[in-house]
Amino acid sequence: MHILGTLIIGFIVGLLARWLHPGDDKMGIVLTTILGIAGAFAATYGGQALHLYAPGENAGFIGAVIGAIVLLVVIGLIRRAAK
C-alpha cells in the first residue's frame, strides 16, 4: 500500500476505531485522524515486516483498526493517569 493510501485508510480507521471503542473520549477530528494514521502505519508496515500478511490483504485493514483501538485505549489510560 502506498503512503497516500495508508493516510486515507488511517483517517477512515480512526473514525471507525472511535465508533467501535466504548466510552466518552473527548478527542477532536485532528487527534482522531492522527490516531487512525498511527494505527494504520503501525499495523500495515509492522504486519508486513513480521510477514503476517502481504501488501494489499484485508488483514492489513483489520490490523489497522485493531491498532487504532489499542492506541485509543492507551491514550485514554494516559489521560486518566494525568488527571
Protein backbone atom coordinates (compact mmCIF):
# COMPACT_ATOMS: atom_id res chain seq x y z
CA MET A 1 0.00 0.00 0.00
CA HIS A 2 1.34 3.42 -0.85
CA ILE A 3 1.77 6.09 1.79
CA LEU A 4 -1.15 8.17 0.47
CA GLY A 5 -3.39 5.10 0.62
CA THR A 6 -2.24 4.44 4.18
CA LEU A 7 -3.09 8.03 5.14
CA ILE A 8 -6.60 7.74 3.69
CA ILE A 9 -7.14 4.35 5.30
CA GLY A 10 -5.78 5.80 8.56
CA PHE A 11 -8.40 8.54 8.55
CA ILE A 12 -11.19 6.02 7.97
CA VAL A 13 -9.72 3.66 10.56
CA GLY A 14 -9.51 6.45 13.16
CA LEU A 15 -13.19 7.22 12.73
CA LEU A 16 -14.09 3.53 12.81
CA ALA A 17 -12.00 2.95 15.95
CA ARG A 18 -13.72 5.86 17.69
CA TRP A 19 -17.08 4.36 16.77
CA LEU A 20 -16.12 0.87 17.98
CA HIS A 21 -14.43 1.97 21.21
CA PRO A 22 -16.94 2.42 24.05
CA GLY A 23 -16.82 5.43 26.32
CA ASP A 24 -16.65 9.18 26.01
CA ASP A 25 -13.26 10.21 24.67
CA LYS A 26 -13.01 13.92 24.21
CA MET A 27 -10.88 13.98 21.07
CA GLY A 28 -11.31 16.22 18.09
CA ILE A 29 -11.14 15.25 14.45
CA VAL A 30 -7.42 16.05 14.29
CA LEU A 31 -6.43 13.70 17.12
CA THR A 32 -8.78 11.05 15.77
CA THR A 33 -7.12 11.31 12.37
CA ILE A 34 -3.62 11.14 13.87
CA LEU A 35 -4.67 8.13 15.94
CA GLY A 36 -6.00 6.33 12.88
CA ILE A 37 -2.96 7.15 10.80
CA ALA A 38 -0.61 5.93 13.54
CA GLY A 39 -2.61 2.72 13.91
CA ALA A 40 -2.68 2.20 10.15
CA PHE A 41 1.06 2.75 9.77
CA ALA A 42 1.91 0.52 12.73
CA ALA A 43 -0.35 -2.29 11.59
CA THR A 44 0.40 -2.02 7.87
CA TYR A 45 4.15 -1.81 7.97
CA GLY A 46 4.60 -3.74 11.23
CA GLY A 47 2.49 -6.64 9.99
CA GLN A 48 4.31 -6.70 6.66
CA ALA A 49 7.70 -6.55 8.37
CA LEU A 50 6.72 -9.52 10.56
CA HIS A 51 5.41 -11.33 7.47
CA LEU A 52 1.93 -11.66 8.95
CA TYR A 53 0.33 -10.59 5.67
CA ALA A 54 1.27 -9.30 2.24
CA PRO A 55 0.62 -5.78 0.95
CA GLY A 56 -2.99 -5.27 -0.11
CA GLU A 57 -4.54 -8.02 2.02
CA ASN A 58 -7.69 -7.37 4.05
CA ALA A 59 -5.82 -8.37 7.19
CA GLY A 60 -3.95 -5.06 6.94
CA PHE A 61 -7.18 -3.09 7.25
CA ILE A 62 -8.39 -5.20 10.15
CA GLY A 63 -4.98 -4.85 11.82
CA ALA A 64 -5.11 -1.09 11.33
CA VAL A 65 -8.49 -0.92 13.09
CA ILE A 66 -7.19 -3.02 15.97
CA GLY A 67 -4.03 -0.90 16.17
CA ALA A 68 -6.06 2.30 16.31
CA ILE A 69 -8.34 0.91 19.02
CA VAL A 70 -5.30 -0.10 21.07
CA LEU A 71 -3.89 3.41 20.69
CA LEU A 72 -7.25 4.86 21.73
CA VAL A 73 -7.24 2.76 24.90
CA VAL A 74 -3.64 3.70 25.71
CA ILE A 75 -4.33 7.41 25.20
CA GLY A 76 -7.40 7.11 27.45
CA LEU A 77 -5.33 5.46 30.18
CA ILE A 78 -2.63 8.12 29.93
CA ARG A 79 -5.22 10.91 30.13
CA ARG A 80 -6.84 9.35 33.22
CA ALA A 81 -3.46 8.91 34.92
CA ALA A 82 -2.56 12.54 34.22
CA LYS A 83 -5.66 13.89 35.99
